[in-house]
Protein backbone atom coordinates (compact mmCIF):
# COMPACT_ATOMS: atom_id res chain seq x y z
CA MET A 1 33.99 225.90 161.08
CA ALA A 2 34.52 229.40 162.86
CA ILE A 3 35.93 232.11 160.40
CA ALA A 4 38.48 235.07 161.28
CA LYS A 5 35.76 238.07 160.78
CA ASN A 6 36.91 240.34 157.53
CA ASN A 7 40.18 238.67 157.51
CA TYR A 8 41.84 241.65 158.04
CA GLY A 9 40.11 243.29 155.23
CA ILE A 10 42.14 242.99 152.14
CA ARG A 11 40.32 242.76 148.78
CA ILE A 12 41.70 241.65 145.54
CA ASP A 13 42.77 244.33 142.31
CA GLY A 14 39.48 243.69 140.73
CA SER A 15 40.95 245.71 137.57
CA ALA A 16 44.04 243.28 137.63
CA LEU A 17 42.59 240.60 137.45
CA ASN A 18 39.73 241.75 134.38
CA GLU A 19 43.05 242.87 132.50
CA ARG A 20 44.80 239.22 132.72
CA LEU A 21 41.76 237.95 131.75
CA ALA A 22 41.42 239.97 128.59
CA ASP A 23 45.08 239.26 128.01
CA LEU A 24 44.53 235.55 128.30
CA ALA A 25 41.25 235.65 126.08
CA ALA A 26 43.63 237.31 123.26
CA ILE A 27 45.10 234.12 122.88
CA GLY A 28 43.22 232.02 120.64
CA ALA A 29 40.83 234.96 120.27
CA ILE A 30 37.72 233.59 118.30
CA GLY A 31 37.00 236.64 115.59
CA ASP A 32 35.61 239.90 116.92
CA THR A 33 33.98 238.22 120.07
CA ASP A 34 35.30 237.90 123.83
CA GLY A 35 35.37 234.24 123.27
CA ALA A 36 38.78 232.06 122.59
CA CYS A 37 39.40 228.38 120.86
CA ARG A 38 42.84 227.12 123.08
CA LEU A 39 42.18 223.53 122.62
CA ALA A 40 44.04 221.16 124.91
CA LEU A 41 48.35 220.40 124.09
CA THR A 42 47.93 222.65 120.78
CA ASP A 43 50.27 225.97 119.86
CA GLU A 44 47.25 228.09 121.44
CA ASP A 45 47.28 226.13 124.91
CA LYS A 46 51.05 226.66 124.81
CA ALA A 47 50.97 230.24 124.08
CA GLY A 48 48.69 230.58 127.59
CA ARG A 49 50.49 228.24 129.42
CA ASP A 50 53.55 230.55 128.89
CA LEU A 51 51.67 233.43 129.63
CA VAL A 52 50.05 232.05 133.15
CA VAL A 53 53.50 230.52 133.80
CA THR A 54 54.80 234.02 133.17
CA TRP A 55 52.72 235.96 135.75
CA MET A 56 53.13 233.36 138.23
CA ARG A 57 56.98 233.50 138.08
CA ASP A 58 56.40 237.71 138.35
CA LEU A 59 55.03 237.00 141.75
CA GLY A 60 57.93 234.83 143.01
CA MET A 61 56.30 232.10 142.89
CA ASP A 62 58.13 228.19 142.86
CA VAL A 63 56.41 226.64 139.37
CA ARG A 64 56.48 223.07 138.76
CA ILE A 65 55.41 221.03 136.23
CA ASP A 66 54.53 217.41 136.29
CA GLY A 67 54.73 214.14 133.88
CA ILE A 68 50.96 215.03 132.37
CA GLY A 69 51.97 218.87 131.83
CA ASN A 70 49.70 220.15 135.20
CA VAL A 71 51.21 223.33 136.38
CA VAL A 72 51.60 224.29 140.01
CA ALA A 73 52.79 227.41 141.71
CA THR A 74 53.72 227.97 145.61
CA THR A 75 54.82 230.85 147.52
CA VAL A 76 58.02 231.00 149.18
CA GLY A 77 59.68 231.65 152.20
CA VAL A 78 56.08 231.92 154.24
CA GLY A 79 54.61 230.56 157.49
CA LYS A 80 55.99 228.91 160.68
CA HIS A 81 56.06 226.08 158.69
CA GLY A 82 58.41 227.80 156.17
CA ALA A 83 61.54 225.94 154.98
CA GLY A 84 63.46 228.84 154.82
CA LEU A 85 63.35 231.67 151.99
CA GLY A 86 63.87 230.32 148.29
CA ASP A 87 62.54 227.19 149.59
CA VAL A 88 59.00 225.58 148.86
CA ASP A 89 57.10 225.08 152.08
CA PRO A 90 57.33 220.84 152.86
CA VAL A 91 54.22 221.45 154.94
CA ALA A 92 51.02 221.04 152.27
CA PRO A 93 49.21 224.14 150.92
CA VAL A 94 46.30 225.56 150.44
CA MET A 95 45.50 224.92 146.90
CA CYS A 96 43.19 226.72 144.18
CA GLY A 97 43.03 226.84 140.71
CA SER A 98 41.52 225.40 137.47
CA HIS A 99 42.26 225.34 133.95
CA ILE A 100 43.27 227.39 131.03
CA ASP A 101 42.00 224.91 128.03
CA THR A 102 39.05 225.98 126.20
CA VAL A 103 36.49 224.02 123.94
CA ARG A 104 36.39 224.95 120.22
CA THR A 105 33.53 227.68 121.16
CA GLY A 106 35.05 228.95 124.64
CA GLY A 107 34.35 232.25 126.60
CA ARG A 108 37.04 234.17 128.48
CA TYR A 109 35.86 232.81 131.76
CA ASP A 110 35.19 229.30 131.98
CA GLY A 111 38.30 227.99 133.95
CA ASN A 112 40.90 231.23 133.48
CA LEU A 113 38.53 232.40 136.25
CA GLY A 114 39.82 230.24 138.36
CA VAL A 115 43.26 230.22 137.86
CA LEU A 116 43.93 233.99 137.40
CA ALA A 117 41.68 234.69 140.28
CA GLY A 118 44.15 232.43 142.59
CA LEU A 119 47.14 234.71 141.22
CA SER A 120 44.86 237.73 142.19
CA VAL A 121 44.86 236.14 145.80
CA VAL A 122 48.71 235.91 146.04
CA GLU A 123 49.29 239.54 144.89
CA ALA A 124 46.87 240.60 147.58
CA VAL A 125 48.42 238.64 149.83
CA GLN A 126 51.76 239.58 149.32
CA ARG A 127 50.89 243.03 148.96
CA THR A 128 49.46 243.35 152.36
CA GLY A 129 52.65 241.87 153.65
CA LEU A 130 50.28 239.09 155.28
CA VAL A 131 52.31 235.54 156.41
CA THR A 132 49.96 232.34 156.41
CA GLN A 133 50.59 229.08 158.48
CA ARG A 134 50.64 227.28 155.23
CA PRO A 135 51.73 228.47 151.57
CA LEU A 136 49.22 229.34 148.85
CA ALA A 137 49.50 227.14 145.60
CA VAL A 138 47.91 227.79 141.92
CA GLY A 139 47.58 225.50 140.02
CA PHE A 140 46.29 224.83 136.34
CA PHE A 141 45.51 221.21 134.81
CA THR A 142 46.07 219.67 131.61
CA ASP A 143 43.02 218.97 129.59
CA GLU A 144 39.91 219.62 131.86
CA GLU A 145 37.57 220.09 128.98
CA GLY A 146 38.35 216.75 127.35
CA ALA A 147 37.14 218.67 123.74
CA ARG A 148 40.26 216.74 122.15
CA PHE A 149 41.65 214.18 124.75
CA PRO A 150 38.94 211.77 126.79
CA PRO A 151 38.27 211.88 129.53
CA ASP A 152 37.86 215.38 130.60
CA MET A 153 39.80 216.38 133.50
CA LEU A 154 42.61 214.09 132.41
CA GLY A 155 45.06 215.64 134.00
CA SER A 156 43.62 216.61 137.33
CA LEU A 157 43.00 212.81 137.43
CA VAL A 158 46.61 211.88 136.46
CA TYR A 159 47.61 214.71 139.70
CA THR A 160 45.52 212.65 142.34
CA GLY A 161 46.39 209.09 141.19
CA GLU A 162 42.74 208.04 139.34
CA MET A 163 44.27 207.70 136.24
CA ALA A 164 47.89 206.13 135.29
CA LEU A 165 50.34 208.51 133.84
CA GLU A 166 51.04 206.35 131.26
CA GLU A 167 47.60 205.28 130.47
CA ALA A 168 47.09 209.01 130.09
CA LEU A 169 49.95 209.79 127.57
CA ASP A 170 48.67 206.79 125.26
CA VAL A 171 45.53 208.61 125.25
CA VAL A 172 44.57 209.26 121.54
CA GLY A 173 42.59 212.97 120.70
CA ALA A 174 39.77 213.53 118.52
CA ASP A 175 42.38 214.26 115.21
CA GLY A 176 44.35 211.64 115.88
CA ALA A 177 47.42 213.40 118.04
CA VAL A 178 48.86 211.52 120.60
CA LEU A 179 48.49 213.09 124.09
CA GLY A 180 52.36 212.60 125.00
CA GLN A 181 53.29 213.53 121.90
CA GLU A 182 51.84 216.91 122.17
CA LEU A 183 53.17 217.49 125.16
CA ASP A 184 56.76 216.86 124.59
CA ARG A 185 55.67 219.09 121.06
CA ILE A 186 55.26 221.95 122.94
CA GLY A 187 57.74 221.56 125.88
CA TYR A 188 55.16 221.25 128.63
CA ARG A 189 55.97 217.09 129.82
CA GLY A 190 57.39 218.11 132.71
CA THR A 191 59.77 216.11 135.95
CA ALA A 192 57.08 216.82 138.73
CA PRO A 193 56.07 213.39 139.89
CA CYS A 194 52.16 212.39 139.75
CA PRO A 195 50.25 211.84 141.37
CA ALA A 196 51.22 214.50 143.64
CA PRO A 197 50.97 214.90 147.69
CA PRO A 198 47.47 215.69 148.59
CA PRO A 199 47.02 219.81 149.42
CA HIS A 200 45.92 220.34 152.81
CA ALA A 201 42.51 222.09 151.00
CA PHE A 202 41.56 222.51 147.66
CA VAL A 203 39.07 225.82 146.48
CA GLU A 204 37.79 226.42 142.90
CA LEU A 205 36.63 229.35 141.66
CA HIS A 206 34.30 228.89 138.66
CA ILE A 207 31.47 230.67 136.76
CA GLU A 208 28.19 228.54 136.83
CA GLN A 209 27.52 227.88 133.79
CA GLY A 210 24.37 227.42 134.28
CA PRO A 211 21.18 229.74 134.63
CA VAL A 212 20.24 230.01 138.40
CA LEU A 213 22.24 232.33 140.06
CA ASP A 214 21.62 234.92 137.29
CA THR A 215 17.84 233.56 137.27
CA GLU A 216 17.99 234.39 140.90
CA ASP A 217 19.85 237.38 141.43
CA VAL A 218 22.53 235.75 143.95
CA ILE A 219 25.98 236.46 143.52
CA ILE A 220 27.78 233.67 145.28
CA GLY A 221 26.64 230.11 144.79
CA ALA A 222 28.14 227.16 147.34
CA VAL A 223 28.94 224.55 145.61
CA THR A 224 27.71 221.41 147.31
CA GLY A 225 28.85 218.95 144.60
CA VAL A 226 28.85 217.71 141.27
CA GLN A 227 26.23 215.58 139.32
CA GLY A 228 27.51 212.22 137.78
CA ILE A 229 28.56 212.16 134.18
CA SER A 230 28.67 209.88 131.27
CA TRP A 231 30.08 210.03 128.04
CA THR A 232 30.04 207.10 125.14
CA GLU A 233 31.16 207.44 121.77
CA ILE A 234 28.39 205.21 119.14
CA LYS A 235 29.54 203.55 115.62
CA VAL A 236 27.29 202.90 113.38
CA ALA A 237 27.95 200.67 110.54
CA GLY A 238 25.42 200.62 107.89
CA GLN A 239 25.85 200.11 103.78
CA SER A 240 25.81 203.13 101.17
CA ASN A 241 23.83 203.42 98.46
CA HIS A 242 22.03 205.69 95.92
CA ALA A 243 19.60 208.04 97.70
CA GLY A 244 16.90 207.77 94.66
CA THR A 245 17.07 203.76 94.00
CA THR A 246 17.32 202.23 97.01
CA PRO A 247 14.16 201.52 98.70
CA MET A 248 13.11 203.11 101.79
CA HIS A 249 12.55 199.17 103.06
CA MET A 250 16.04 197.96 101.88
CA ARG A 251 18.17 200.68 103.01
CA HIS A 252 20.49 199.87 105.89
CA ASP A 253 20.95 203.69 106.57
CA ALA A 254 23.58 204.61 109.68
CA GLY A 255 22.24 208.50 109.51
CA TRP A 256 18.87 207.38 109.87
CA VAL A 257 20.01 204.82 113.06
CA ALA A 258 21.88 208.08 114.56
CA THR A 259 19.08 210.03 114.48
CA ARG A 260 16.94 207.55 116.46
CA ILE A 261 19.39 207.76 118.98
CA ALA A 262 19.81 211.28 119.31
CA VAL A 263 15.79 211.11 119.80
CA PHE A 264 16.06 208.27 121.86
CA VAL A 265 18.38 210.03 124.75
CA HIS A 266 16.46 213.35 124.85
CA GLU A 267 13.11 211.74 125.41
CA LEU A 268 15.01 209.25 127.98
CA ALA A 269 15.85 212.63 130.07
CA GLU A 270 12.53 213.82 129.86
CA THR A 271 10.90 210.65 131.03
CA PHE A 272 13.43 210.47 133.64
CA GLY A 273 12.94 214.19 134.37
CA PRO A 274 15.19 216.49 136.18
CA PRO A 275 18.23 216.65 136.91
CA GLN A 276 18.45 213.88 134.38
CA VAL A 277 20.10 215.48 131.44
CA ALA A 278 21.17 214.09 128.03
CA THR A 279 22.78 215.66 125.07
CA VAL A 280 24.07 214.52 121.43
CA GLY A 281 27.00 216.69 120.86
CA ARG A 282 28.69 215.14 118.14
CA MET A 283 27.20 213.63 114.92
CA GLU A 284 29.68 212.49 111.84
CA LEU A 285 28.37 210.99 108.72
CA HIS A 286 30.71 209.15 105.89
CA PRO A 287 30.41 209.51 103.22
CA ASN A 288 28.06 213.07 103.96
CA LEU A 289 26.88 213.73 100.80
CA VAL A 290 23.44 214.90 99.80
CA ASN A 291 22.55 212.29 97.69
CA VAL A 292 23.83 208.90 99.24
CA VAL A 293 22.70 206.61 101.93
CA ALA A 294 24.82 206.82 104.82
CA ALA A 295 27.07 204.25 105.38
CA ASP A 296 28.65 205.34 109.03
CA ALA A 297 27.65 207.26 111.61
CA VAL A 298 30.16 207.89 114.68
CA MET A 299 28.32 209.96 117.40
CA THR A 300 28.64 210.75 121.37
CA VAL A 301 25.55 210.73 123.98
CA ASP A 302 26.31 212.93 127.15
CA MET A 303 24.32 211.83 130.58
CA ARG A 304 24.24 213.56 133.83
CA ASN A 305 22.39 213.04 137.09
CA THR A 306 23.26 213.86 140.56
CA ASP A 307 21.65 210.11 141.43
CA ASP A 308 23.96 207.59 140.33
CA SER A 309 21.53 204.83 140.35
CA LEU A 310 19.62 206.55 138.45
CA LEU A 311 22.20 207.38 135.85
CA HIS A 312 23.15 203.86 135.85
CA GLU A 313 20.10 203.29 134.96
CA ALA A 314 19.75 205.80 131.73
CA GLU A 315 22.84 203.77 130.53
CA ASN A 316 21.57 200.75 131.26
CA ARG A 317 18.51 201.33 128.78
CA LEU A 318 20.34 203.14 126.14
CA GLU A 319 22.56 200.25 125.94
CA LEU A 320 19.34 197.92 125.64
CA PHE A 321 17.90 200.39 123.15
CA LEU A 322 21.50 200.12 120.64
CA GLU A 323 20.34 196.41 120.99
CA GLN A 324 17.10 196.84 119.35
CA LEU A 325 17.86 199.40 117.03
CA ALA A 326 20.91 197.48 115.29
CA ASP A 327 18.47 194.37 114.74
CA GLU A 328 15.85 196.60 113.56
CA SER A 329 17.93 198.42 111.35
CA GLY A 330 20.80 195.84 109.64
CA THR A 331 23.07 197.88 111.11
CA THR A 332 26.06 197.26 113.60
CA ILE A 333 25.75 199.34 116.25
CA THR A 334 29.40 199.49 119.07
CA SER A 335 30.07 201.55 121.77
CA ARG A 336 32.62 202.85 123.54
CA ARG A 337 33.28 204.69 127.48
CA LEU A 338 34.68 207.76 126.96
CA ALA A 339 34.61 209.05 130.63
CA ARG A 340 32.28 207.78 133.49
CA PHE A 341 32.18 210.29 136.86
CA ALA A 342 29.81 209.02 140.01
CA PRO A 343 28.57 212.55 141.50
CA VAL A 344 30.64 213.96 144.23
CA GLU A 345 29.99 215.43 147.49
CA PHE A 346 32.31 218.49 148.82
CA ASN A 347 33.13 218.49 152.39
CA ALA A 348 30.64 219.76 154.45
CA ASP A 349 32.39 222.34 156.43
CA MET A 350 34.04 223.86 153.51
CA VAL A 351 30.31 224.35 151.90
CA CYS A 352 29.78 226.14 155.32
CA LEU A 353 32.90 228.18 155.01
CA VAL A 354 32.31 229.50 151.35
CA GLU A 355 28.86 230.52 153.00
CA ASN A 356 29.76 232.11 155.61
CA VAL A 357 32.93 234.10 154.36
CA ALA A 358 30.04 235.53 151.65
CA SER A 359 27.48 236.03 154.18
CA ASP A 360 30.70 237.99 156.22
CA LEU A 361 31.76 240.09 153.11
CA GLY A 362 27.80 241.07 152.45
CA TYR A 363 26.97 239.03 149.51
CA SER A 364 23.98 237.24 148.57
CA HIS A 365 24.36 233.20 148.44
CA ARG A 366 22.91 229.90 148.01
CA ARG A 367 23.65 226.52 147.52
CA LEU A 368 23.62 224.25 144.38
CA CYS A 369 25.05 221.19 142.76
CA SER A 370 27.17 221.89 139.73
CA GLY A 371 25.92 220.12 136.45
CA ALA A 372 29.14 220.48 134.92
CA GLY A 373 32.27 218.37 135.67
CA HIS A 374 35.32 220.25 137.32
CA ASP A 375 38.76 219.73 138.54
CA ALA A 376 37.75 220.23 142.19
CA GLN A 377 35.58 216.99 141.78
CA MET A 378 38.96 215.15 141.47
CA PHE A 379 40.50 216.51 144.91
CA ALA A 380 36.96 215.65 146.79
CA PRO A 381 38.85 211.72 147.61
CA ILE A 382 41.78 213.06 149.02
CA CYS A 383 41.41 216.56 150.73
CA PRO A 384 38.61 218.82 151.59
CA THR A 385 37.34 220.19 148.59
CA SER A 386 34.61 223.11 147.84
CA MET A 387 34.03 225.24 144.87
CA ILE A 388 32.67 228.76 144.84
CA PHE A 389 30.23 229.96 141.55
CA VAL A 390 29.45 233.38 140.47
CA PRO A 391 26.61 234.14 138.02
CA SER A 392 26.82 233.31 134.46
CA TRP A 393 24.67 235.87 132.07
CA GLU A 394 21.80 233.91 131.05
CA GLY A 395 23.54 230.44 132.12
CA ILE A 396 25.36 230.79 128.96
CA SER A 397 28.73 228.75 128.48
CA HIS A 398 30.77 226.68 126.25
CA ASN A 399 30.03 230.00 123.89
CA PRO A 400 32.01 233.40 122.63
CA PHE A 401 29.44 234.88 124.43
CA GLU A 402 29.90 233.61 127.78
CA HIS A 403 29.50 236.45 130.42
CA THR A 404 29.69 237.52 134.07
CA GLU A 405 30.01 240.94 135.29
CA PRO A 406 33.11 242.52 136.20
CA GLU A 407 31.95 243.11 139.60
CA HIS A 408 30.75 239.49 140.06
CA LEU A 409 34.11 238.14 139.10
CA GLU A 410 35.32 240.18 141.76
CA ALA A 411 32.80 239.35 144.33
CA GLY A 412 33.94 235.86 143.64
CA ALA A 413 37.99 236.17 143.98
CA ASN A 414 37.44 237.90 147.05
CA VAL A 415 35.25 235.08 148.11
CA LEU A 416 38.21 232.46 147.21
CA LEU A 417 40.72 234.85 148.93
CA GLN A 418 39.27 235.05 152.47
CA VAL A 419 38.26 231.18 152.14
CA MET A 420 42.12 230.42 151.51
CA LEU A 421 43.25 232.96 154.23
CA GLU A 422 41.34 231.04 156.87
CA LEU A 423 42.29 227.78 155.57
CA ALA A 424 46.16 228.98 155.77
CA GLU A 425 45.66 230.52 159.01
CA VAL A 426 47.21 233.59 159.25
CA ALA A 427 49.70 234.20 161.07
CA GLU A 428 51.24 237.65 161.69
CA ALA A 429 51.50 240.93 159.83
CA SER A 430 54.01 244.10 160.18
CA GLU A 431 53.12 246.41 162.34
CA GLN A 432 53.07 248.83 159.48
CA THR A 433 50.17 246.50 157.37
CA THR A 434 48.21 245.85 160.43
CA ALA A 435 47.46 249.60 160.63
CA GLU A 436 46.47 249.47 157.30
CA LEU A 437 44.49 246.93 157.36
CA THR A 438 42.60 248.14 159.90
CA HIS A 439 41.96 251.00 158.32
CA SER A 440 40.67 249.31 155.47
CA LYS A 441 37.79 247.47 156.94
CA GLY A 442 36.29 251.12 157.06
CA VAL A 443 35.50 251.07 153.38
CA ASN A 444 32.39 250.14 151.58
CA ARG A 445 32.03 246.90 150.10
């Protein structure tokens, strides 16, 4: 896929991007850190949504909200195929976006960068007067994290038709809340249809959330795909009893069983070797008292691999272990699938386009696979899709101390800008704008 050299040389406003990131992070701020807690469809999420929608409307974009609360803003009155000033272009747009919900201990860049950099792209195009053949769209998708309502990427699953709207609205969250009721409560159950028509292409800018780019001192990651993900909730039913008077061999200890499972999945990942990973991220005991044998345990297991057959094997080994452990411990062990996504490969031409743009802009780059799940993987089956990664300091993410250098944020946003311009096909610019952009090519990058 060829690219237009420099695409007129325009750049995003890095200062404005960082200001927006800071303003959004202030909603749900975690103490004195840069982090934020905006679990999906909470009051904090509503406040974040309201702010981003305000920015979208300030740019004159047409904002539409669908039945699961996904928000998509589209440029209007642009392109040779435009329906006319004030109308949304009926031609499929070039879309970018991500999410603005966080985990409970979230940072300021995860998801937010991809949305706010998209607004910076629109701002840069408007500032320079470029006209594109296709409109540009920026979206943020409901409950990407899955931290409150399983599964993760729920909003984009519904947007692309992989999950029925009715099923999603009935999802019960970790706190007992019903998703549809929470959408109504915060006023974000919209009327736009879902599934929605596919965009012409989808591009997601994101922090890596891993250590590769930072360790290797590389600025841009051209993401080749996303590894498979398996989430399981496991419940153990034992018997509560006195911690001092119950002999060890006569116990039905749900706490001991839960820790055995945690050790097993860790050792399983070590046995398989990279890229297999496994995590017990949540564990709750009842009655959770120091001198009482636990009667019940609830826990989650997160397993991931780039090879779907190996991921299936890991799942099967866990299931067999649970059956054996239940017999050994005299407990009842049940499990249910929270989420399951096969590995995804991104469009080869789109991956090459990201690489070519990064080279053209003078940024170091390399290919890599994403270890985390992203909205982009839901778009991959319905349109050409790619992702752009920028470094995460020491690989830290889902943590208030998540950090990416401002110059790397700006670099990623500039790659996003040029990729979107290439995909949307620049049609024309005014004589004055062309002269200004020709002059801008001489500036240092």
